[in-house]
Amino acid sequence: MKILIQEVMDKKHIRVKDIIPYMSISERSIYNVLEGRKCPKLNELEEFAKALKVPIEYLYESECSIRSANSCRNRPKSLKNKEHDL
């Protein structure tokens, strides 16, 4: 899984100091996530998504995401060709 938070921030011209007031995680944790030293937990991804005003799906790329659900190697064969009811 690839974390895309920094890319979203760059596209939106948002700096770290702009989002710190909107997040309950520490500044150090924010920098560790952005610099790739820490993989964010789901609740942290949610906080980034809220602070950046984007859907959480914009913050990561995975071969098991909805965008590429049919190519996920770990899904059971019976689910690979079915559409999601989201």
PDB file of N, CA and C in Angstrom:
ATOM      1  N   MET A   1       0.842  -1.166   0.000  1.00  0.00           N
ATOM      2  CA  MET A   1       0.000   0.000   0.000  1.00  0.00           C
ATOM      3  C   MET A   1       0.895   1.239   0.000  1.00  0.00           C
ATOM      4  N   LYS A   2       0.537   2.195  -0.819  1.00  0.00           N
ATOM      5  CA  LYS A   2       1.298   3.436  -0.909  1.00  0.00           C
ATOM      6  C   LYS A   2       0.472   4.567  -0.293  1.00  0.00           C
ATOM      7  N   ILE A   3       1.086   5.330   0.584  1.00  0.00           N
ATOM      8  CA  ILE A   3       0.428   6.459   1.229  1.00  0.00           C
ATOM      9  C   ILE A   3       0.606   7.695   0.345  1.00  0.00           C
ATOM     10  N   LEU A   4      -0.497   8.376   0.058  1.00  0.00           N
ATOM     11  CA  LEU A   4      -0.489   9.505  -0.872  1.00  0.00           C
ATOM     12  C   LEU A   4      -0.800  10.846  -0.209  1.00  0.00           C
ATOM     13  N   ILE A   5      -0.674  10.928   1.101  1.00  0.00           N
ATOM     14  CA  ILE A   5      -1.037  12.149   1.818  1.00  0.00           C
ATOM     15  C   ILE A   5      -0.230  13.343   1.331  1.00  0.00           C
ATOM     16  N   GLN A   6       1.070  13.193   1.214  1.00  0.00           N
ATOM     17  CA  GLN A   6       1.915  14.309   0.791  1.00  0.00           C
ATOM     18  C   GLN A   6       1.546  14.772  -0.616  1.00  0.00           C
ATOM     19  N   GLU A   7       1.241  13.828  -1.492  1.00  0.00           N
ATOM     20  CA  GLU A   7       0.847  14.187  -2.853  1.00  0.00           C
ATOM     21  C   GLU A   7      -0.435  15.018  -2.858  1.00  0.00           C
ATOM     22  N   VAL A   8      -1.408  14.618  -2.019  1.00  0.00           N
ATOM     23  CA  VAL A   8      -2.660  15.371  -1.917  1.00  0.00           C
ATOM     24  C   VAL A   8      -2.379  16.771  -1.368  1.00  0.00           C
ATOM     25  N   MET A   9      -1.530  16.837  -0.361  1.00  0.00           N
ATOM     26  CA  MET A   9      -1.180  18.139   0.214  1.00  0.00           C
ATOM     27  C   MET A   9      -0.518  19.036  -0.832  1.00  0.00           C
ATOM     28  N   ASP A  10       0.379  18.473  -1.611  1.00  0.00           N
ATOM     29  CA  ASP A  10       1.059  19.248  -2.655  1.00  0.00           C
ATOM     30  C   ASP A  10       0.066  19.765  -3.694  1.00  0.00           C
ATOM     31  N   LYS A  11      -0.854  18.907  -4.126  1.00  0.00           N
ATOM     32  CA  LYS A  11      -1.842  19.313  -5.131  1.00  0.00           C
ATOM     33  C   LYS A  11      -2.754  20.419  -4.623  1.00  0.00           C
ATOM     34  N   LYS A  12      -3.054  20.364  -3.312  1.00  0.00           N
ATOM     35  CA  LYS A  12      -3.949  21.363  -2.734  1.00  0.00           C
ATOM     36  C   LYS A  12      -3.198  22.567  -2.154  1.00  0.00           C
ATOM     37  N   HIS A  13      -1.879  22.550  -2.294  1.00  0.00           N
ATOM     38  CA  HIS A  13      -1.021  23.624  -1.772  1.00  0.00           C
ATOM     39  C   HIS A  13      -1.244  23.836  -0.268  1.00  0.00           C
ATOM     40  N   ILE A  14      -1.247  22.721   0.454  1.00  0.00           N
ATOM     41  CA  ILE A  14      -1.441  22.745   1.904  1.00  0.00           C
ATOM     42  C   ILE A  14      -0.139  22.341   2.577  1.00  0.00           C
ATOM     43  N   ARG A  15       0.230  23.107   3.591  1.00  0.00           N
ATOM     44  CA  ARG A  15       1.448  22.806   4.353  1.00  0.00           C
ATOM     45  C   ARG A  15       1.076  22.110   5.656  1.00  0.00           C
ATOM     46  N   VAL A  16       2.036  21.452   6.257  1.00  0.00           N
ATOM     47  CA  VAL A  16       1.801  20.731   7.506  1.00  0.00           C
ATOM     48  C   VAL A  16       1.262  21.677   8.563  1.00  0.00           C
ATOM     49  N   LYS A  17       1.823  22.852   8.666  1.00  0.00           N
ATOM     50  CA  LYS A  17       1.378  23.773   9.714  1.00  0.00           C
ATOM     51  C   LYS A  17      -0.086  24.198   9.519  1.00  0.00           C
ATOM     52  N   ASP A  18      -0.608  24.024   8.301  1.00  0.00           N
ATOM     53  CA  ASP A  18      -2.012  24.348   8.033  1.00  0.00           C
ATOM     54  C   ASP A  18      -2.964  23.296   8.597  1.00  0.00           C
ATOM     55  N   ILE A  19      -2.508  22.045   8.695  1.00  0.00           N
ATOM     56  CA  ILE A  19      -3.402  20.974   9.154  1.00  0.00           C
ATOM     57  C   ILE A  19      -3.217  20.607  10.622  1.00  0.00           C
ATOM     58  N   ILE A  20      -2.104  20.979  11.210  1.00  0.00           N
ATOM     59  CA  ILE A  20      -1.835  20.616  12.606  1.00  0.00           C
ATOM     60  C   ILE A  20      -2.980  21.007  13.543  1.00  0.00           C
ATOM     61  N   PRO A  21      -3.539  22.213  13.431  1.00  0.00           N
ATOM     62  CA  PRO A  21      -4.628  22.586  14.356  1.00  0.00           C
ATOM     63  C   PRO A  21      -5.877  21.706  14.242  1.00  0.00           C
ATOM     64  N   TYR A  22      -6.043  21.004  13.131  1.00  0.00           N
ATOM     65  CA  TYR A  22      -7.234  20.194  12.906  1.00  0.00           C
ATOM     66  C   TYR A  22      -7.043  18.726  13.267  1.00  0.00           C
ATOM     67  N   MET A  23      -5.873  18.389  13.801  1.00  0.00           N
ATOM     68  CA  MET A  23      -5.561  16.991  14.076  1.00  0.00           C
ATOM     69  C   MET A  23      -5.243  16.783  15.546  1.00  0.00           C
ATOM     70  N   SER A  24      -5.663  15.617  16.054  1.00  0.00           N
ATOM     71  CA  SER A  24      -5.384  15.315  17.456  1.00  0.00           C
ATOM     72  C   SER A  24      -4.107  14.493  17.630  1.00  0.00           C
ATOM     73  N   ILE A  25      -3.533  14.012  16.543  1.00  0.00           N
ATOM     74  CA  ILE A  25      -2.271  13.278  16.658  1.00  0.00           C
ATOM     75  C   ILE A  25      -1.127  14.272  16.753  1.00  0.00           C
ATOM     76  N   SER A  26      -0.033  13.834  17.309  1.00  0.00           N
ATOM     77  CA  SER A  26       1.085  14.737  17.559  1.00  0.00           C
ATOM     78  C   SER A  26       1.744  15.208  16.258  1.00  0.00           C
ATOM     79  N   GLU A  27       2.374  16.349  16.348  1.00  0.00           N
ATOM     80  CA  GLU A  27       3.096  16.898  15.198  1.00  0.00           C
ATOM     81  C   GLU A  27       4.180  15.928  14.741  1.00  0.00           C
ATOM     82  N   ARG A  28       4.840  15.310  15.691  1.00  0.00           N
ATOM     83  CA  ARG A  28       5.888  14.334  15.358  1.00  0.00           C
ATOM     84  C   ARG A  28       5.310  13.162  14.568  1.00  0.00           C
ATOM     85  N   SER A  29       4.139  12.662  14.989  1.00  0.00           N
ATOM     86  CA  SER A  29       3.495  11.561  14.271  1.00  0.00           C
ATOM     87  C   SER A  29       3.097  11.977  12.862  1.00  0.00           C
ATOM     88  N   ILE A  30       2.619  13.205  12.711  1.00  0.00           N
ATOM     89  CA  ILE A  30       2.256  13.710  11.392  1.00  0.00           C
ATOM     90  C   ILE A  30       3.473  13.680  10.470  1.00  0.00           C
ATOM     91  N   TYR A  31       4.597  14.220  10.958  1.00  0.00           N
ATOM     92  CA  TYR A  31       5.816  14.234  10.141  1.00  0.00           C
ATOM     93  C   TYR A  31       6.313  12.818   9.861  1.00  0.00           C
ATOM     94  N   ASN A  32       6.219  11.929  10.853  1.00  0.00           N
ATOM     95  CA  ASN A  32       6.658  10.543  10.643  1.00  0.00           C
ATOM     96  C   ASN A  32       5.839   9.861   9.557  1.00  0.00           C
ATOM     97  N   VAL A  33       4.542  10.117   9.516  1.00  0.00           N
ATOM     98  CA  VAL A  33       3.689   9.548   8.463  1.00  0.00           C
ATOM     99  C   VAL A  33       4.081  10.142   7.113  1.00  0.00           C
ATOM    100  N   LEU A  34       4.205  11.463   7.055  1.00  0.00           N
ATOM    101  CA  LEU A  34       4.505  12.125   5.785  1.00  0.00           C
ATOM    102  C   LEU A  34       5.881  11.758   5.236  1.00  0.00           C
ATOM    103  N   GLU A  35       6.822  11.457   6.118  1.00  0.00           N
ATOM    104  CA  GLU A  35       8.179  11.102   5.692  1.00  0.00           C
ATOM    105  C   GLU A  35       8.365   9.596   5.526  1.00  0.00           C
ATOM    106  N   GLY A  36       7.281   8.831   5.702  1.00  0.00           N
ATOM    107  CA  GLY A  36       7.345   7.391   5.478  1.00  0.00           C
ATOM    108  C   GLY A  36       7.978   6.589   6.589  1.00  0.00           C
ATOM    109  N   ARG A  37       8.204   7.195   7.737  1.00  0.00           N
ATOM    110  CA  ARG A  37       8.801   6.459   8.862  1.00  0.00           C
ATOM    111  C   ARG A  37       7.752   5.719   9.674  1.00  0.00           C
ATOM    112  N   LYS A  38       6.477   6.044   9.441  1.00  0.00           N
ATOM    113  CA  LYS A  38       5.391   5.422  10.189  1.00  0.00           C
ATOM    114  C   LYS A  38       4.230   5.196   9.240  1.00  0.00           C
ATOM    115  N   CYS A  39       3.657   4.015   9.323  1.00  0.00           N
ATOM    116  CA  CYS A  39       2.456   3.719   8.535  1.00  0.00           C
ATOM    117  C   CYS A  39       1.251   4.198   9.351  1.00  0.00           C
ATOM    118  N   PRO A  40       0.400   5.035   8.771  1.00  0.00           N
ATOM    119  CA  PRO A  40      -0.715   5.575   9.555  1.00  0.00           C
ATOM    120  C   PRO A  40      -1.770   4.518   9.868  1.00  0.00           C
ATOM    121  N   LYS A  41      -2.341   4.641  11.064  1.00  0.00           N
ATOM    122  CA  LYS A  41      -3.468   3.796  11.449  1.00  0.00           C
ATOM    123  C   LYS A  41      -4.708   4.359  10.777  1.00  0.00           C
ATOM    124  N   LEU A  42      -5.763   3.575  10.762  1.00  0.00           N
ATOM    125  CA  LEU A  42      -6.992   3.995  10.105  1.00  0.00           C
ATOM    126  C   LEU A  42      -7.534   5.299  10.691  1.00  0.00           C
ATOM    127  N   ASN A  43      -7.518   5.436  12.009  1.00  0.00           N
ATOM    128  CA  ASN A  43      -8.025   6.670  12.621  1.00  0.00           C
ATOM    129  C   ASN A  43      -7.169   7.876  12.247  1.00  0.00           C
ATOM    130  N   GLU A  44      -5.884   7.655  12.029  1.00  0.00           N
ATOM    131  CA  GLU A  44      -5.007   8.741  11.598  1.00  0.00           C
ATOM    132  C   GLU A  44      -5.298   9.132  10.150  1.00  0.00           C
ATOM    133  N   LEU A  45      -5.534   8.137   9.296  1.00  0.00           N
ATOM    134  CA  LEU A  45      -5.928   8.434   7.916  1.00  0.00           C
ATOM    135  C   LEU A  45      -7.230   9.228   7.895  1.00  0.00           C
ATOM    136  N   GLU A  46      -8.153   8.875   8.770  1.00  0.00           N
ATOM    137  CA  GLU A  46      -9.414   9.616   8.851  1.00  0.00           C
ATOM    138  C   GLU A  46      -9.167  11.075   9.236  1.00  0.00           C
ATOM    139  N   GLU A  47      -8.268  11.293  10.173  1.00  0.00           N
ATOM    140  CA  GLU A  47      -7.953  12.665  10.583  1.00  0.00           C
ATOM    141  C   GLU A  47      -7.309  13.456   9.445  1.00  0.00           C
ATOM    142  N   PHE A  48      -6.393  12.832   8.722  1.00  0.00           N
ATOM    143  CA  PHE A  48      -5.792  13.494   7.570  1.00  0.00           C
ATOM    144  C   PHE A  48      -6.870  13.827   6.537  1.00  0.00           C
ATOM    145  N   ALA A  49      -7.762  12.886   6.272  1.00  0.00           N
ATOM    146  CA  ALA A  49      -8.817  13.104   5.284  1.00  0.00           C
ATOM    147  C   ALA A  49      -9.709  14.280   5.682  1.00  0.00           C
ATOM    148  N   LYS A  50     -10.077  14.341   6.942  1.00  0.00           N
ATOM    149  CA  LYS A  50     -10.912  15.457   7.414  1.00  0.00           C
ATOM    150  C   LYS A  50     -10.159  16.783   7.312  1.00  0.00           C
ATOM    151  N   ALA A  51      -8.906  16.784   7.741  1.00  0.00           N
ATOM    152  CA  ALA A  51      -8.110  18.014   7.714  1.00  0.00           C
ATOM    153  C   ALA A  51      -7.887  18.501   6.283  1.00  0.00           C
ATOM    154  N   LEU A  52      -7.734  17.564   5.350  1.00  0.00           N
ATOM    155  CA  LEU A  52      -7.484  17.917   3.948  1.00  0.00           C
ATOM    156  C   LEU A  52      -8.772  18.052   3.136  1.00  0.00           C
ATOM    157  N   LYS A  53      -9.898  17.690   3.760  1.00  0.00           N
ATOM    158  CA  LYS A  53     -11.213  17.774   3.114  1.00  0.00           C
ATOM    159  C   LYS A  53     -11.271  16.955   1.823  1.00  0.00           C
ATOM    160  N   VAL A  54     -10.834  15.697   1.955  1.00  0.00           N
ATOM    161  CA  VAL A  54     -10.885  14.751   0.839  1.00  0.00           C
ATOM    162  C   VAL A  54     -11.405  13.415   1.354  1.00  0.00           C
ATOM    163  N   PRO A  55     -11.953  12.586   0.470  1.00  0.00           N
ATOM    164  CA  PRO A  55     -12.327  11.230   0.886  1.00  0.00           C
ATOM    165  C   PRO A  55     -11.070  10.462   1.293  1.00  0.00           C
ATOM    166  N   ILE A  56     -11.209   9.598   2.253  1.00  0.00           N
ATOM    167  CA  ILE A  56     -10.062   8.845   2.767  1.00  0.00           C
ATOM    168  C   ILE A  56      -9.383   8.030   1.659  1.00  0.00           C
ATOM    169  N   GLU A  57     -10.144   7.612   0.652  1.00  0.00           N
ATOM    170  CA  GLU A  57      -9.594   6.802  -0.436  1.00  0.00           C
ATOM    171  C   GLU A  57      -8.529   7.541  -1.240  1.00  0.00           C
ATOM    172  N   TYR A  58      -8.533   8.857  -1.189  1.00  0.00           N
ATOM    173  CA  TYR A  58      -7.540   9.650  -1.912  1.00  0.00           C
ATOM    174  C   TYR A  58      -6.159   9.590  -1.252  1.00  0.00           C
ATOM    175  N   LEU A  59      -6.099   9.087  -0.023  1.00  0.00           N
ATOM    176  CA  LEU A  59      -4.860   9.156   0.751  1.00  0.00           C
ATOM    177  C   LEU A  59      -3.990   7.914   0.666  1.00  0.00           C
ATOM    178  N   TYR A  60      -4.456   6.911  -0.044  1.00  0.00           N
ATOM    179  CA  TYR A  60      -3.644   5.705  -0.200  1.00  0.00           C
ATOM    180  C   TYR A  60      -3.947   5.041  -1.528  1.00  0.00           C
ATOM    181  N   GLU A  61      -3.031   4.224  -1.938  1.00  0.00           N
ATOM    182  CA  GLU A  61      -3.188   3.437  -3.156  1.00  0.00           C
ATOM    183  C   GLU A  61      -2.899   1.994  -2.798  1.00  0.00           C
ATOM    184  N   SER A  62      -3.808   1.126  -3.163  1.00  0.00           N
ATOM    185  CA  SER A  62      -3.642  -0.289  -2.845  1.00  0.00           C
ATOM    186  C   SER A  62      -4.167  -1.128  -3.998  1.00  0.00           C
ATOM    187  N   GLU A  63      -3.569  -2.274  -4.219  1.00  0.00           N
ATOM    188  CA  GLU A  63      -4.087  -3.122  -5.273  1.00  0.00           C
ATOM    189  C   GLU A  63      -5.414  -3.735  -4.869  1.00  0.00           C
ATOM    190  N   CYS A  64      -5.821  -3.587  -3.624  1.00  0.00           N
ATOM    191  CA  CYS A  64      -7.116  -4.080  -3.149  1.00  0.00           C
ATOM    192  C   CYS A  64      -8.124  -2.949  -2.949  1.00  0.00           C
ATOM    193  N   SER A  65      -7.865  -1.790  -3.495  1.00  0.00           N
ATOM    194  CA  SER A  65      -8.826  -0.701  -3.378  1.00  0.00           C
ATOM    195  C   SER A  65      -9.966  -0.931  -4.352  1.00  0.00           C
ATOM    196  N   ILE A  66     -11.031  -0.204  -4.183  1.00  0.00           N
ATOM    197  CA  ILE A  66     -12.191  -0.343  -5.064  1.00  0.00           C
ATOM    198  C   ILE A  66     -11.802  -0.089  -6.510  1.00  0.00           C
ATOM    199  N   ARG A  67     -10.886   0.849  -6.731  1.00  0.00           N
ATOM    200  CA  ARG A  67     -10.469   1.176  -8.093  1.00  0.00           C
ATOM    201  C   ARG A  67      -9.839  -0.004  -8.801  1.00  0.00           C
ATOM    202  N   SER A  68      -9.262  -0.933  -8.029  1.00  0.00           N
ATOM    203  CA  SER A  68      -8.604  -2.083  -8.664  1.00  0.00           C
ATOM    204  C   SER A  68      -9.045  -3.392  -8.027  1.00  0.00           C
ATOM    205  N   ALA A  69     -10.279  -3.466  -7.589  1.00  0.00           N
ATOM    206  CA  ALA A  69     -10.783  -4.627  -6.860  1.00  0.00           C
ATOM    207  C   ALA A  69     -10.651  -5.928  -7.637  1.00  0.00           C
ATOM    208  N   ASN A  70     -10.834  -5.894  -8.926  1.00  0.00           N
ATOM    209  CA  ASN A  70     -10.752  -7.130  -9.708  1.00  0.00           C
ATOM    210  C   ASN A  70      -9.337  -7.663  -9.841  1.00  0.00           C
ATOM    211  N   SER A  71      -8.343  -6.837  -9.533  1.00  0.00           N
ATOM    212  CA  SER A  71      -6.966  -7.311  -9.670  1.00  0.00           C
ATOM    213  C   SER A  71      -6.348  -7.737  -8.348  1.00  0.00           C
ATOM    214  N   CYS A  72      -7.095  -7.685  -7.279  1.00  0.00           N
ATOM    215  CA  CYS A  72      -6.548  -8.051  -5.969  1.00  0.00           C
ATOM    216  C   CYS A  72      -6.276  -9.551  -5.910  1.00  0.00           C
ATOM    217  N   ARG A  73      -5.047  -9.894  -5.648  1.00  0.00           N
ATOM    218  CA  ARG A  73      -4.636 -11.302  -5.643  1.00  0.00           C
ATOM    219  C   ARG A  73      -5.195 -12.076  -4.462  1.00  0.00           C
ATOM    220  N   ASN A  74      -5.469 -11.388  -3.344  1.00  0.00           N
ATOM    221  CA  ASN A  74      -5.868 -12.078  -2.122  1.00  0.00           C
ATOM    222  C   ASN A  74      -7.373 -12.293  -1.995  1.00  0.00           C
ATOM    223  N   ARG A  75      -8.154 -11.813  -2.934  1.00  0.00           N
ATOM    224  CA  ARG A  75      -9.603 -11.974  -2.861  1.00  0.00           C
ATOM    225  C   ARG A  75      -9.992 -13.360  -3.348  1.00  0.00           C
ATOM    226  N   PRO A  76     -11.018 -13.932  -2.743  1.00  0.00           N
ATOM    227  CA  PRO A  76     -11.502 -15.223  -3.234  1.00  0.00           C
ATOM    228  C   PRO A  76     -11.976 -15.097  -4.672  1.00  0.00           C
ATOM    229  N   LYS A  77     -11.801 -16.154  -5.439  1.00  0.00           N
ATOM    230  CA  LYS A  77     -12.184 -16.124  -6.850  1.00  0.00           C
ATOM    231  C   LYS A  77     -13.655 -15.782  -7.026  1.00  0.00           C
ATOM    232  N   SER A  78     -14.491 -16.206  -6.098  1.00  0.00           N
ATOM    233  CA  SER A  78     -15.924 -15.948  -6.222  1.00  0.00           C
ATOM    234  C   SER A  78     -16.252 -14.465  -6.115  1.00  0.00           C
ATOM    235  N   LEU A  79     -15.376 -13.665  -5.547  1.00  0.00           N
ATOM    236  CA  LEU A  79     -15.612 -12.231  -5.385  1.00  0.00           C
ATOM    237  C   LEU A  79     -14.920 -11.388  -6.431  1.00  0.00           C
ATOM    238  N   LYS A  80     -13.988 -11.943  -7.157  1.00  0.00           N
ATOM    239  CA  LYS A  80     -13.170 -11.138  -8.070  1.00  0.00           C
ATOM    240  C   LYS A  80     -13.982 -10.454  -9.153  1.00  0.00           C
ATOM    241  N   ASN A  81     -15.023 -11.050  -9.641  1.00  0.00           N
ATOM    242  CA  ASN A  81     -15.762 -10.486 -10.761  1.00  0.00           C
ATOM    243  C   ASN A  81     -17.092  -9.858 -10.347  1.00  0.00           C
ATOM    244  N   LYS A  82     -17.359  -9.753  -9.052  1.00  0.00           N
ATOM    245  CA  LYS A  82     -18.610  -9.167  -8.592  1.00  0.00           C
ATOM    246  C   LYS A  82     -18.427  -7.700  -8.291  1.00  0.00           C
ATOM    247  N   GLU A  83     -19.435  -6.926  -8.576  1.00  0.00           N
ATOM    248  CA  GLU A  83     -19.392  -5.502  -8.265  1.00  0.00           C
ATOM    249  C   GLU A  83     -19.685  -5.301  -6.792  1.00  0.00           C
ATOM    250  N   HIS A  84     -19.166  -4.211  -6.258  1.00  0.00           N
ATOM    251  CA  HIS A  84     -19.423  -3.850  -4.866  1.00  0.00           C
ATOM    252  C   HIS A  84     -20.738  -3.104  -4.763  1.00  0.00           C
ATOM    253  N   ASP A  85     -21.469  -3.322  -3.714  1.00  0.00           N
ATOM    254  CA  ASP A  85     -22.714  -2.599  -3.464  1.00  0.00           C
ATOM    255  C   ASP A  85     -22.454  -1.478  -2.469  1.00  0.00           C
ATOM    256  N   LEU A  86     -21.571  -0.576  -2.824  1.00  0.00           N
ATOM    257  CA  LEU A  86     -21.230   0.508  -1.903  1.00  0.00           C
ATOM    258  C   LEU A  86     -22.032   1.718  -2.175  1.00  0.00           C
TER     259      LEU A  86
END
